[in-house]
Amino acid sequence: MLIETAWSLAALRDLADPRTKGQRPEDFEQTLAFSERLFQLAAADSSVHELLFEVLQLLKPRSVLNEPELVERVKAVRLTVDT
């Protein structure tokens, strides 16, 4: 499980690059959108920031990011585009 978390987190950004060869998972676009919103929420909320980085540092399982309350908060984030 620990290796799966590290690989899936690393592969997400790699697969977002259209030059990367390989098959994308069926839910790739939704996973990428969730990830972008999650990072945006983490930038605005210190508790989400702490939780996200505990996952990124493999201190907590990735499954904590699927908690219903957090998922609803992430879905509510409106993406901003940097220009």
PDB file of N, CA and C in Angstrom:
ATOM      1  N   MET A   1       0.819  -1.198   0.000  1.00  0.00           N
ATOM      2  CA  MET A   1       0.000   0.000   0.000  1.00  0.00           C
ATOM      3  C   MET A   1       0.862   1.261   0.000  1.00  0.00           C
ATOM      4  N   LEU A   2       1.941   1.245   0.754  1.00  0.00           N
ATOM      5  CA  LEU A   2       2.823   2.399   0.821  1.00  0.00           C
ATOM      6  C   LEU A   2       3.430   2.712  -0.544  1.00  0.00           C
ATOM      7  N   ILE A   3       3.891   1.692  -1.237  1.00  0.00           N
ATOM      8  CA  ILE A   3       4.481   1.889  -2.565  1.00  0.00           C
ATOM      9  C   ILE A   3       3.426   2.365  -3.551  1.00  0.00           C
ATOM     10  N   GLU A   4       2.216   1.823  -3.449  1.00  0.00           N
ATOM     11  CA  GLU A   4       1.129   2.235  -4.334  1.00  0.00           C
ATOM     12  C   GLU A   4       0.854   3.729  -4.198  1.00  0.00           C
ATOM     13  N   THR A   5       0.840   4.228  -2.973  1.00  0.00           N
ATOM     14  CA  THR A   5       0.596   5.651  -2.738  1.00  0.00           C
ATOM     15  C   THR A   5       1.669   6.497  -3.402  1.00  0.00           C
ATOM     16  N   ALA A   6       2.905   6.156  -3.182  1.00  0.00           N
ATOM     17  CA  ALA A   6       4.006   6.936  -3.765  1.00  0.00           C
ATOM     18  C   ALA A   6       3.948   6.920  -5.286  1.00  0.00           C
ATOM     19  N   TRP A   7       3.734   5.764  -5.862  1.00  0.00           N
ATOM     20  CA  TRP A   7       3.684   5.659  -7.329  1.00  0.00           C
ATOM     21  C   TRP A   7       2.501   6.401  -7.903  1.00  0.00           C
ATOM     22  N   SER A   8       1.344   6.267  -7.300  1.00  0.00           N
ATOM     23  CA  SER A   8       0.161   6.920  -7.854  1.00  0.00           C
ATOM     24  C   SER A   8       0.272   8.435  -7.769  1.00  0.00           C
ATOM     25  N   LEU A   9       0.847   8.939  -6.689  1.00  0.00           N
ATOM     26  CA  LEU A   9       1.020  10.383  -6.555  1.00  0.00           C
ATOM     27  C   LEU A   9       2.037  10.914  -7.560  1.00  0.00           C
ATOM     28  N   ALA A  10       3.091  10.174  -7.786  1.00  0.00           N
ATOM     29  CA  ALA A  10       4.121  10.592  -8.743  1.00  0.00           C
ATOM     30  C   ALA A  10       3.611  10.490 -10.179  1.00  0.00           C
ATOM     31  N   ALA A  11       2.898   9.436 -10.480  1.00  0.00           N
ATOM     32  CA  ALA A  11       2.450   9.196 -11.848  1.00  0.00           C
ATOM     33  C   ALA A  11       1.385  10.186 -12.304  1.00  0.00           C
ATOM     34  N   LEU A  12       0.590  10.704 -11.389  1.00  0.00           N
ATOM     35  CA  LEU A  12      -0.494  11.609 -11.761  1.00  0.00           C
ATOM     36  C   LEU A  12       0.022  12.800 -12.551  1.00  0.00           C
ATOM     37  N   ARG A  13       1.016  13.469 -12.028  1.00  0.00           N
ATOM     38  CA  ARG A  13       1.561  14.648 -12.720  1.00  0.00           C
ATOM     39  C   ARG A  13       2.286  14.259 -14.009  1.00  0.00           C
ATOM     40  N   ASP A  14       2.954  13.122 -14.001  1.00  0.00           N
ATOM     41  CA  ASP A  14       3.610  12.663 -15.226  1.00  0.00           C
ATOM     42  C   ASP A  14       2.584  12.435 -16.327  1.00  0.00           C
ATOM     43  N   LEU A  15       1.493  11.779 -15.985  1.00  0.00           N
ATOM     44  CA  LEU A  15       0.477  11.461 -16.981  1.00  0.00           C
ATOM     45  C   LEU A  15      -0.302  12.695 -17.436  1.00  0.00           C
ATOM     46  N   ALA A  16      -0.254  13.762 -16.682  1.00  0.00           N
ATOM     47  CA  ALA A  16      -0.926  14.998 -17.090  1.00  0.00           C
ATOM     48  C   ALA A  16      -0.228  15.642 -18.283  1.00  0.00           C
ATOM     49  N   ASP A  17       1.027  15.345 -18.458  1.00  0.00           N
ATOM     50  CA  ASP A  17       1.790  15.873 -19.586  1.00  0.00           C
ATOM     51  C   ASP A  17       1.429  15.060 -20.830  1.00  0.00           C
ATOM     52  N   PRO A  18       0.888  15.709 -21.864  1.00  0.00           N
ATOM     53  CA  PRO A  18       0.467  14.967 -23.053  1.00  0.00           C
ATOM     54  C   PRO A  18       1.621  14.261 -23.778  1.00  0.00           C
ATOM     55  N   ARG A  19       2.844  14.656 -23.505  1.00  0.00           N
ATOM     56  CA  ARG A  19       4.001  13.997 -24.144  1.00  0.00           C
ATOM     57  C   ARG A  19       4.342  12.667 -23.481  1.00  0.00           C
ATOM     58  N   THR A  20       3.763  12.419 -22.305  1.00  0.00           N
ATOM     59  CA  THR A  20       4.029  11.166 -21.600  1.00  0.00           C
ATOM     60  C   THR A  20       3.284  10.036 -22.281  1.00  0.00           C
ATOM     61  N   LYS A  21       4.029   9.016 -22.624  1.00  0.00           N
ATOM     62  CA  LYS A  21       3.420   7.847 -23.255  1.00  0.00           C
ATOM     63  C   LYS A  21       2.886   6.918 -22.178  1.00  0.00           C
ATOM     64  N   GLY A  22       1.831   6.239 -22.514  1.00  0.00           N
ATOM     65  CA  GLY A  22       1.253   5.278 -21.577  1.00  0.00           C
ATOM     66  C   GLY A  22      -0.240   5.457 -21.463  1.00  0.00           C
ATOM     67  N   GLN A  23      -0.877   4.431 -20.989  1.00  0.00           N
ATOM     68  CA  GLN A  23      -2.318   4.438 -20.840  1.00  0.00           C
ATOM     69  C   GLN A  23      -2.712   5.177 -19.568  1.00  0.00           C
ATOM     70  N   ARG A  24      -3.685   6.039 -19.710  1.00  0.00           N
ATOM     71  CA  ARG A  24      -4.222   6.743 -18.548  1.00  0.00           C
ATOM     72  C   ARG A  24      -5.400   5.954 -17.981  1.00  0.00           C
ATOM     73  N   PRO A  25      -5.578   5.977 -16.665  1.00  0.00           N
ATOM     74  CA  PRO A  25      -6.733   5.297 -16.074  1.00  0.00           C
ATOM     75  C   PRO A  25      -8.033   5.907 -16.602  1.00  0.00           C
ATOM     76  N   GLU A  26      -9.111   5.152 -16.555  1.00  0.00           N
ATOM     77  CA  GLU A  26     -10.403   5.633 -17.043  1.00  0.00           C
ATOM     78  C   GLU A  26     -10.855   6.899 -16.323  1.00  0.00           C
ATOM     79  N   ASP A  27     -10.559   7.008 -15.049  1.00  0.00           N
ATOM     80  CA  ASP A  27     -10.992   8.173 -14.260  1.00  0.00           C
ATOM     81  C   ASP A  27      -9.906   9.245 -14.165  1.00  0.00           C
ATOM     82  N   PHE A  28      -8.985   9.247 -15.113  1.00  0.00           N
ATOM     83  CA  PHE A  28      -7.829  10.141 -15.028  1.00  0.00           C
ATOM     84  C   PHE A  28      -8.227  11.620 -14.938  1.00  0.00           C
ATOM     85  N   GLU A  29      -9.139  12.067 -15.800  1.00  0.00           N
ATOM     86  CA  GLU A  29      -9.524  13.488 -15.803  1.00  0.00           C
ATOM     87  C   GLU A  29     -10.149  13.896 -14.471  1.00  0.00           C
ATOM     88  N   GLN A  30     -10.991  13.029 -13.907  1.00  0.00           N
ATOM     89  CA  GLN A  30     -11.614  13.342 -12.617  1.00  0.00           C
ATOM     90  C   GLN A  30     -10.563  13.363 -11.503  1.00  0.00           C
ATOM     91  N   THR A  31      -9.630  12.418 -11.552  1.00  0.00           N
ATOM     92  CA  THR A  31      -8.576  12.358 -10.538  1.00  0.00           C
ATOM     93  C   THR A  31      -7.692  13.600 -10.615  1.00  0.00           C
ATOM     94  N   LEU A  32      -7.358  14.014 -11.825  1.00  0.00           N
ATOM     95  CA  LEU A  32      -6.529  15.207 -12.010  1.00  0.00           C
ATOM     96  C   LEU A  32      -7.260  16.454 -11.517  1.00  0.00           C
ATOM     97  N   ALA A  33      -8.536  16.579 -11.843  1.00  0.00           N
ATOM     98  CA  ALA A  33      -9.322  17.735 -11.393  1.00  0.00           C
ATOM     99  C   ALA A  33      -9.425  17.757  -9.871  1.00  0.00           C
ATOM    100  N   PHE A  34      -9.640  16.590  -9.259  1.00  0.00           N
ATOM    101  CA  PHE A  34      -9.704  16.512  -7.791  1.00  0.00           C
ATOM    102  C   PHE A  34      -8.371  16.959  -7.190  1.00  0.00           C
ATOM    103  N   SER A  35      -7.284  16.494  -7.763  1.00  0.00           N
ATOM    104  CA  SER A  35      -5.956  16.841  -7.258  1.00  0.00           C
ATOM    105  C   SER A  35      -5.715  18.350  -7.338  1.00  0.00           C
ATOM    106  N   GLU A  36      -6.072  18.955  -8.453  1.00  0.00           N
ATOM    107  CA  GLU A  36      -5.881  20.399  -8.615  1.00  0.00           C
ATOM    108  C   GLU A  36      -6.698  21.172  -7.586  1.00  0.00           C
ATOM    109  N   ARG A  37      -7.931  20.752  -7.383  1.00  0.00           N
ATOM    110  CA  ARG A  37      -8.783  21.428  -6.395  1.00  0.00           C
ATOM    111  C   ARG A  37      -8.271  21.193  -4.971  1.00  0.00           C
ATOM    112  N   LEU A  38      -7.804  19.987  -4.710  1.00  0.00           N
ATOM    113  CA  LEU A  38      -7.269  19.674  -3.385  1.00  0.00           C
ATOM    114  C   LEU A  38      -6.079  20.570  -3.057  1.00  0.00           C
ATOM    115  N   PHE A  39      -5.159  20.740  -4.000  1.00  0.00           N
ATOM    116  CA  PHE A  39      -3.998  21.601  -3.754  1.00  0.00           C
ATOM    117  C   PHE A  39      -4.433  23.049  -3.573  1.00  0.00           C
ATOM    118  N   GLN A  40      -5.445  23.485  -4.309  1.00  0.00           N
ATOM    119  CA  GLN A  40      -5.932  24.852  -4.154  1.00  0.00           C
ATOM    120  C   GLN A  40      -6.561  25.041  -2.776  1.00  0.00           C
ATOM    121  N   LEU A  41      -7.345  24.057  -2.328  1.00  0.00           N
ATOM    122  CA  LEU A  41      -7.932  24.122  -0.987  1.00  0.00           C
ATOM    123  C   LEU A  41      -6.840  24.104   0.079  1.00  0.00           C
ATOM    124  N   ALA A  42      -5.822  23.294  -0.116  1.00  0.00           N
ATOM    125  CA  ALA A  42      -4.717  23.215   0.850  1.00  0.00           C
ATOM    126  C   ALA A  42      -3.981  24.550   0.972  1.00  0.00           C
ATOM    127  N   ALA A  43      -3.929  25.295  -0.125  1.00  0.00           N
ATOM    128  CA  ALA A  43      -3.274  26.606  -0.085  1.00  0.00           C
ATOM    129  C   ALA A  43      -4.066  27.603   0.758  1.00  0.00           C
ATOM    130  N   ALA A  44      -5.370  27.362   0.894  1.00  0.00           N
ATOM    131  CA  ALA A  44      -6.226  28.294   1.633  1.00  0.00           C
ATOM    132  C   ALA A  44      -6.575  27.823   3.033  1.00  0.00           C
ATOM    133  N   ASP A  45      -6.372  26.543   3.323  1.00  0.00           N
ATOM    134  CA  ASP A  45      -6.804  25.982   4.603  1.00  0.00           C
ATOM    135  C   ASP A  45      -5.655  25.187   5.213  1.00  0.00           C
ATOM    136  N   SER A  46      -5.164  25.651   6.343  1.00  0.00           N
ATOM    137  CA  SER A  46      -3.983  25.033   6.953  1.00  0.00           C
ATOM    138  C   SER A  46      -4.221  23.586   7.389  1.00  0.00           C
ATOM    139  N   SER A  47      -5.440  23.248   7.807  1.00  0.00           N
ATOM    140  CA  SER A  47      -5.688  21.869   8.229  1.00  0.00           C
ATOM    141  C   SER A  47      -5.657  20.915   7.033  1.00  0.00           C
ATOM    142  N   VAL A  48      -6.162  21.359   5.903  1.00  0.00           N
ATOM    143  CA  VAL A  48      -6.097  20.542   4.680  1.00  0.00           C
ATOM    144  C   VAL A  48      -4.650  20.470   4.193  1.00  0.00           C
ATOM    145  N   HIS A  49      -3.936  21.565   4.304  1.00  0.00           N
ATOM    146  CA  HIS A  49      -2.520  21.592   3.926  1.00  0.00           C
ATOM    147  C   HIS A  49      -1.732  20.570   4.740  1.00  0.00           C
ATOM    148  N   GLU A  50      -1.955  20.567   6.035  1.00  0.00           N
ATOM    149  CA  GLU A  50      -1.247  19.629   6.911  1.00  0.00           C
ATOM    150  C   GLU A  50      -1.589  18.183   6.547  1.00  0.00           C
ATOM    151  N   LEU A  51      -2.875  17.903   6.352  1.00  0.00           N
ATOM    152  CA  LEU A  51      -3.299  16.551   5.997  1.00  0.00           C
ATOM    153  C   LEU A  51      -2.698  16.111   4.660  1.00  0.00           C
ATOM    154  N   LEU A  52      -2.744  16.977   3.673  1.00  0.00           N
ATOM    155  CA  LEU A  52      -2.194  16.644   2.361  1.00  0.00           C
ATOM    156  C   LEU A  52      -0.709  16.327   2.452  1.00  0.00           C
ATOM    157  N   PHE A  53       0.028  17.120   3.168  1.00  0.00           N
ATOM    158  CA  PHE A  53       1.461  16.872   3.249  1.00  0.00           C
ATOM    159  C   PHE A  53       1.805  15.678   4.126  1.00  0.00           C
ATOM    160  N   GLU A  54       0.946  15.323   5.055  1.00  0.00           N
ATOM    161  CA  GLU A  54       1.147  14.073   5.786  1.00  0.00           C
ATOM    162  C   GLU A  54       0.995  12.886   4.832  1.00  0.00           C
ATOM    163  N   VAL A  55       0.068  13.003   3.891  1.00  0.00           N
ATOM    164  CA  VAL A  55      -0.096  11.951   2.873  1.00  0.00           C
ATOM    165  C   VAL A  55       1.100  11.954   1.929  1.00  0.00           C
ATOM    166  N   LEU A  56       1.497  13.125   1.461  1.00  0.00           N
ATOM    167  CA  LEU A  56       2.626  13.216   0.526  1.00  0.00           C
ATOM    168  C   LEU A  56       3.927  12.718   1.146  1.00  0.00           C
ATOM    169  N   GLN A  57       4.058  12.868   2.463  1.00  0.00           N
ATOM    170  CA  GLN A  57       5.254  12.391   3.163  1.00  0.00           C
ATOM    171  C   GLN A  57       5.081  10.963   3.679  1.00  0.00           C
ATOM    172  N   LEU A  58       3.973  10.338   3.251  1.00  0.00           N
ATOM    173  CA  LEU A  58       3.677   8.937   3.570  1.00  0.00           C
ATOM    174  C   LEU A  58       3.505   8.682   5.064  1.00  0.00           C
ATOM    175  N   LEU A  59       3.066   9.712   5.793  1.00  0.00           N
ATOM    176  CA  LEU A  59       2.790   9.570   7.216  1.00  0.00           C
ATOM    177  C   LEU A  59       1.355   9.096   7.456  1.00  0.00           C
ATOM    178  N   LYS A  60       0.487   9.365   6.481  1.00  0.00           N
ATOM    179  CA  LYS A  60      -0.907   8.919   6.545  1.00  0.00           C
ATOM    180  C   LYS A  60      -1.251   8.281   5.200  1.00  0.00           C
ATOM    181  N   PRO A  61      -2.195   7.346   5.205  1.00  0.00           N
ATOM    182  CA  PRO A  61      -2.575   6.696   3.945  1.00  0.00           C
ATOM    183  C   PRO A  61      -3.346   7.649   3.034  1.00  0.00           C
ATOM    184  N   ARG A  62      -3.224   7.424   1.746  1.00  0.00           N
ATOM    185  CA  ARG A  62      -3.927   8.257   0.766  1.00  0.00           C
ATOM    186  C   ARG A  62      -5.435   8.211   0.975  1.00  0.00           C
ATOM    187  N   SER A  63      -5.930   7.156   1.561  1.00  0.00           N
ATOM    188  CA  SER A  63      -7.371   6.990   1.767  1.00  0.00           C
ATOM    189  C   SER A  63      -7.974   8.100   2.626  1.00  0.00           C
ATOM    190  N   VAL A  64      -7.175   8.793   3.446  1.00  0.00           N
ATOM    191  CA  VAL A  64      -7.727   9.885   4.257  1.00  0.00           C
ATOM    192  C   VAL A  64      -8.229  11.024   3.380  1.00  0.00           C
ATOM    193  N   LEU A  65      -7.754  11.075   2.147  1.00  0.00           N
ATOM    194  CA  LEU A  65      -8.199  12.121   1.222  1.00  0.00           C
ATOM    195  C   LEU A  65      -9.569  11.803   0.626  1.00  0.00           C
ATOM    196  N   ASN A  66     -10.086  10.614   0.924  1.00  0.00           N
ATOM    197  CA  ASN A  66     -11.400  10.208   0.428  1.00  0.00           C
ATOM    198  C   ASN A  66     -12.497  10.347   1.475  1.00  0.00           C
ATOM    199  N   GLU A  67     -12.174  10.971   2.603  1.00  0.00           N
ATOM    200  CA  GLU A  67     -13.188  11.192   3.634  1.00  0.00           C
ATOM    201  C   GLU A  67     -14.302  12.069   3.038  1.00  0.00           C
ATOM    202  N   PRO A  68     -15.565  11.681   3.216  1.00  0.00           N
ATOM    203  CA  PRO A  68     -16.680  12.397   2.577  1.00  0.00           C
ATOM    204  C   PRO A  68     -16.692  13.911   2.810  1.00  0.00           C
ATOM    205  N   GLU A  69     -16.411  14.350   4.026  1.00  0.00           N
ATOM    206  CA  GLU A  69     -16.419  15.797   4.300  1.00  0.00           C
ATOM    207  C   GLU A  69     -15.358  16.525   3.479  1.00  0.00           C
ATOM    208  N   LEU A  70     -14.163  15.944   3.401  1.00  0.00           N
ATOM    209  CA  LEU A  70     -13.092  16.557   2.619  1.00  0.00           C
ATOM    210  C   LEU A  70     -13.430  16.532   1.132  1.00  0.00           C
ATOM    211  N   VAL A  71     -13.942  15.431   0.652  1.00  0.00           N
ATOM    212  CA  VAL A  71     -14.303  15.316  -0.763  1.00  0.00           C
ATOM    213  C   VAL A  71     -15.322  16.393  -1.144  1.00  0.00           C
ATOM    214  N   GLU A  72     -16.318  16.608  -0.303  1.00  0.00           N
ATOM    215  CA  GLU A  72     -17.318  17.647  -0.586  1.00  0.00           C
ATOM    216  C   GLU A  72     -16.686  19.035  -0.608  1.00  0.00           C
ATOM    217  N   ARG A  73     -15.774  19.284   0.306  1.00  0.00           N
ATOM    218  CA  ARG A  73     -15.087  20.588   0.328  1.00  0.00           C
ATOM    219  C   ARG A  73     -14.243  20.775  -0.925  1.00  0.00           C
ATOM    220  N   VAL A  74     -13.573  19.712  -1.352  1.00  0.00           N
ATOM    221  CA  VAL A  74     -12.742  19.782  -2.563  1.00  0.00           C
ATOM    222  C   VAL A  74     -13.627  20.030  -3.784  1.00  0.00           C
ATOM    223  N   LYS A  75     -14.747  19.326  -3.881  1.00  0.00           N
ATOM    224  CA  LYS A  75     -15.652  19.497  -5.020  1.00  0.00           C
ATOM    225  C   LYS A  75     -16.190  20.918  -5.104  1.00  0.00           C
ATOM    226  N   ALA A  76     -16.304  21.588  -3.976  1.00  0.00           N
ATOM    227  CA  ALA A  76     -16.850  22.948  -3.942  1.00  0.00           C
ATOM    228  C   ALA A  76     -15.841  24.006  -4.377  1.00  0.00           C
ATOM    229  N   VAL A  77     -14.575  23.631  -4.495  1.00  0.00           N
ATOM    230  CA  VAL A  77     -13.539  24.603  -4.878  1.00  0.00           C
ATOM    231  C   VAL A  77     -13.702  24.990  -6.352  1.00  0.00           C
ATOM    232  N   ARG A  78     -13.652  26.267  -6.589  1.00  0.00           N
ATOM    233  CA  ARG A  78     -13.675  26.761  -7.969  1.00  0.00           C
ATOM    234  C   ARG A  78     -12.233  26.984  -8.375  1.00  0.00           C
ATOM    235  N   LEU A  79     -11.835  26.329  -9.439  1.00  0.00           N
ATOM    236  CA  LEU A  79     -10.454  26.428  -9.884  1.00  0.00           C
ATOM    237  C   LEU A  79     -10.152  27.831 -10.382  1.00  0.00           C
ATOM    238  N   THR A  80      -8.986  28.327 -10.020  1.00  0.00           N
ATOM    239  CA  THR A  80      -8.505  29.581 -10.559  1.00  0.00           C
ATOM    240  C   THR A  80      -7.370  29.271 -11.518  1.00  0.00           C
ATOM    241  N   VAL A  81      -7.268  30.063 -12.539  1.00  0.00           N
ATOM    242  CA  VAL A  81      -6.234  29.849 -13.546  1.00  0.00           C
ATOM    243  C   VAL A  81      -5.211  30.971 -13.431  1.00  0.00           C
ATOM    244  N   ASP A  82      -3.951  30.595 -13.289  1.00  0.00           N
ATOM    245  CA  ASP A  82      -2.880  31.591 -13.254  1.00  0.00           C
ATOM    246  C   ASP A  82      -2.581  32.035 -14.679  1.00  0.00           C
ATOM    247  N   THR A  83      -2.438  33.342 -14.859  1.00  0.00           N
ATOM    248  CA  THR A  83      -2.108  33.843 -16.193  1.00  0.00           C
ATOM    249  C   THR A  83      -0.778  34.533 -16.180  1.00  0.00           C
TER     250      THR A  83
END
